[in-house]
Amino acid sequence: MVVSIRPLRLEVVMKPVSSYCMRSLVLLAFSAWSSMVAAISYIGLPEVKAAGITRTEIRVAIDAWPPFRILNEESYSGIDFDLWTRLADALELKIDYVRCPWIRCLKMMEDGNVDAMGGLALRPERAVYMEYLKPPYYRCSTVFYVRKGERQRIRSYQDLYQIDVGIVSGSAYFQTFDHDQKIHKVNVSTEKQLVDMLGRDRLAAIIGTDCQADYEIAQSPYNDVVEKAEFRPGNSVDLYFAISKKSPYRAHAEMFSKALRRLLNNGAIDEIRNAYLAPDAKPVKR
């Protein structure tokens, strides 16, 4: 028996694709492309949703605290502003600054009426309602100030029980002092008020963080009549940025911390500090 094998012919018939199918293919391709772009954008831009609206703006609470936050009627400048600007640029965010007294700023953070603020000492009672970004961006120390010639008026912690000490309401200095109810503390709203009251001899002493208070005193009319007391607590005060735990940005706190860490490792804070504290400093006003 002879078996005859014929070559197999395959024919492919190309038929026109309907316009409906073509539109479906285009839409499918566009959808895939959009999803890819969205995923890339999410990695670089921490978009958040509040009240159903996608946000790329962060509300930052600010008060006057030179040289970190220098506020004028028509402009502002300072170490915090420059660092916030760099951080926002790294995260592709816009900043909406909200002016408020210090203690009011803290309350707004607690209520979630603002997203973030800076110049914060790390305190357990604040950590209840705010997420601290790590690492800290600045280090200061606590100092007591008196009128010139009276530096030995405060030679030890015990001497504080004999005098009035001016403080800014809501500020954290060092925990022993902060929780000591036996010391007579006079509360005011700003460091500028403290310096003015000490300069006018209305207070025996004031407390402050040297990185801020030294600058405040040097810019005041009382630079020649105020000096540091002999007693030093010997503590350090690290300053942090933080995000309100009621802010939708809290979910991206680690992303903020990573961006901040990169800036600090690249020398950003040294460049910014020199812009305000170097002898020939010419800070940028916004």
Foldseek 3Di string as FASTA:
>chain_A
DDDDDDDDDDDDDDDDDDPVVVVVVVVVVVVVVVVVVVVVLVVQAVWFDDPRDTAQEFEEEDEDFPQQWHDDPVWIFHLVVLLVVQLSVSNVGHYDYDYDQPVVRLVCLQVVVGWKYKQAFDDPVSVVWKAWFPDFQDKWFKFKKFWPPCQACPQDPVSQLVFEEEDEPPHDHDDVVVPDPSGHYDYDRDLLVVLVCRQVVVGGMYMDTCVGNVVSLVPDPRVPTMDTHNDGPPDMTGMTMITTPPYSCVVVSNVSNVSSVVCVVVPVSVVSCCLRPPPPHDTDID
